[in-house]
Protein backbone atom coordinates (compact mmCIF):
# COMPACT_ATOMS: atom_id res chain seq x y z
CA UNK A 1 80.76 95.14 106.64
CA UNK A 2 81.28 91.43 106.65
CA UNK A 3 84.00 89.35 108.28
CA UNK A 4 84.56 86.20 106.49
CA UNK A 5 87.16 83.28 106.35
CA UNK A 6 90.11 84.28 104.31
CA UNK A 7 89.61 81.18 102.07
CA UNK A 8 86.11 82.71 101.01
CA UNK A 9 87.21 86.30 100.57
CA UNK A 10 88.51 86.13 96.93
CA UNK A 11 85.42 84.36 95.66
CA UNK A 12 83.13 86.80 97.46
CA UNK A 13 85.06 89.76 96.05
CA UNK A 14 84.79 88.23 92.52
CA UNK A 15 80.98 87.69 92.95
CA UNK A 16 80.43 91.23 94.25
CA UNK A 17 82.30 92.47 91.33
CA UNK A 18 80.30 90.43 88.80
CA UNK A 19 77.15 92.10 90.04
CA UNK A 20 78.69 95.62 89.84
CA UNK A 21 79.59 96.09 93.62
CA UNK A 22 82.86 97.47 94.59
CA UNK A 23 84.35 96.41 97.88
CA UNK A 24 87.49 96.88 100.02
CA UNK A 25 89.15 93.96 101.83
CA UNK A 26 91.41 94.28 104.86
CA UNK A 27 93.06 91.24 106.78
CA UNK A 28 91.92 90.41 110.24
CA UNK A 29 92.24 87.77 112.83
CA UNK A 30 89.95 86.76 115.78
CA UNK A 31 88.11 84.12 117.61
CA UNK A 32 89.61 81.59 120.05
CA UNK A 33 91.90 80.13 117.53
CA UNK A 34 93.00 83.53 116.04
CA UNK A 35 92.06 82.28 112.57
CA UNK A 36 92.90 84.42 109.69
CA UNK A 37 89.87 86.43 108.30
CA UNK A 38 89.09 89.14 105.90
CA UNK A 39 87.02 92.12 106.61
CA UNK A 40 84.92 93.13 103.52
CA UNK A 41 83.51 96.80 103.26
CA UNK A 42 81.01 97.28 100.72
CA UNK A 43 79.06 100.51 100.50
CA UNK A 44 75.50 100.12 98.71
CA UNK A 45 72.15 101.88 98.49
CA UNK A 46 69.44 100.75 100.74
CA UNK A 47 67.62 98.85 97.99
CA UNK A 48 70.88 96.90 97.18
CA UNK A 49 71.45 95.59 100.66
CA UNK A 50 69.44 92.39 100.29
CA UNK A 51 71.22 91.58 97.08
CA UNK A 52 74.65 91.94 98.78
CA UNK A 53 73.55 89.92 101.86
CA UNK A 54 72.24 87.09 99.40
CA UNK A 55 75.85 87.10 97.64
CA UNK A 56 77.52 86.76 100.86
CA UNK A 57 75.20 83.96 102.19
CA UNK A 58 75.68 82.09 98.93
CA UNK A 59 79.42 82.40 98.85
CA UNK A 60 80.49 82.18 102.64
CA UNK A 61 78.84 78.85 103.79
CA UNK A 62 79.70 77.43 107.21
CA UNK A 63 81.68 74.13 107.25
CA UNK A 64 83.31 71.73 109.57
CA UNK A 65 87.01 71.40 109.78
CA UNK A 66 89.20 69.25 112.05
CA UNK A 67 92.10 70.95 113.60
CA UNK A 68 94.80 69.79 115.90
CA UNK A 69 95.29 72.40 118.85
CA UNK A 70 98.78 73.36 120.07
CA UNK A 71 100.03 70.97 122.84
CA UNK A 72 99.89 72.40 126.36
CA UNK A 73 103.10 73.49 128.24
CA UNK A 74 104.40 70.26 129.73
CA UNK A 75 107.03 69.15 132.14
CA UNK A 76 109.99 67.22 130.74
CA UNK A 77 109.11 63.47 130.40
CA UNK A 78 105.39 63.97 130.03
CA UNK A 79 103.79 62.94 126.91
CA UNK A 80 100.76 64.60 125.12
CA UNK A 81 99.09 63.07 122.09
CA UNK A 82 97.02 65.86 120.50
CA UNK A 83 93.59 64.91 119.44
CA UNK A 84 91.91 66.90 116.37
CA UNK A 85 88.94 68.79 117.47
CA UNK A 86 85.96 69.71 115.31
CA UNK A 87 85.73 73.47 114.41
CA UNK A 88 83.08 75.19 112.50
CA UNK A 89 84.88 77.42 109.82
CA UNK A 90 83.49 79.85 107.19
CA UNK A 91 80.22 81.61 107.32
CA UNK A 92 80.18 85.27 107.86
CA UNK A 93 79.51 88.07 110.51
CA UNK A 94 77.69 90.76 108.83
CA UNK A 95 77.08 94.35 110.11
CA UNK A 96 74.62 96.58 108.22
CA UNK A 97 75.55 100.16 109.25
CA UNK A 98 73.68 103.21 108.30
CA UNK A 99 76.04 105.81 106.80
CA UNK A 100 75.05 109.39 107.16
CA UNK A 101 77.67 110.69 104.41
CA UNK A 102 79.63 108.90 101.84
CA UNK A 103 81.94 110.27 99.14
CA UNK A 104 83.78 108.48 96.44
CA UNK A 105 86.64 110.63 95.01
């Protein structure tokens, strides 16, 4: 199971399919900024785990983006000039889970 940035999910799914791996994707959100993510589920045999991990690492590289946070709640007449902040985006959070039983119908 890998949680990746939505921007990376289509490329990741294509690369997995090119190598013969099937995967399921669901939308998710999380983190401090509630950024849109995709959760990719891919069941593989033990000897294929490293291959899938390599594909994820190559496809979902971390990068820096500058975002402007929402302004704070302010009193009338107050002024707030938002300053963009640096935020690391992309990458992946990966969980390798042993599955006792699996059926594909």
